[in-house]
Amino acid sequence: MHIKSLIAWLLLILICFQFIAGSDSGLLKLYDIEHMPPTVTGMYSAAGSFTFDDFDQLTSVHVNSTDELFLASGYSTNVALYDINSGRRIQVFTDVHREHINVVKFSNHSPSVFATSSFDQDVKLWDLRQKPIQPCYTTSVSRGNVMVCFSPDDHYLLASAVDNEVFFELIYCIFRGMQFHQFEC
């Protein structure tokens, strides 16, 4: 498969000699640096890599805090969940947003919690333990969302939208529906 551009590479947290790379063509691969013998030209062969099921028009990949699962999103309204150890795509969550999903991110400390951001103006918080049919929490901004991430301690969710709109929410109070700060840059 021809790779036009590399979308993401993620060094696994606990297994620092492995990483996942994804391309805009949907190719997803796990590489193990310890098992990639260099060739005479200095390039590395495909040995030491594993290919997962494709995710078409990939835009985002993220590994959970235990290096067991990763999520993929793209120019669709779906999110795919993969098991790193078995090499299988476990599930595809369909229609989780009304427009394509720009970024999907696992929290830093809770391996089952993740967030999605979309051009549909919504940021959603999900928990795999609750069978993500509905998000745990949804918040909206006035424009489409470009990025979402968790603070290092997972207390806050930070998102940015087009036209420099930035906001963050205090997650441990999120179920009370309190939006704490919204900034216009």
Foldseek 3Di string as FASTA:
>chain_A
DDAPDKQDKAQQDPQRQWIWTAGQQQKIKIARNVQFDADPVRDTDCTRMDTADGDHRWQEKEAFQVNQWMWTFHQFQKIWIAGPVVRYTDDIQHNQDPGGWNYKYYANPQRQWIWIFFQSQKIFIDGVVVVPPDGLAIDGDPGGWNDWYADNVRQKIWTAGPQGKIAIAGVVCCNVVDGDDTDHD
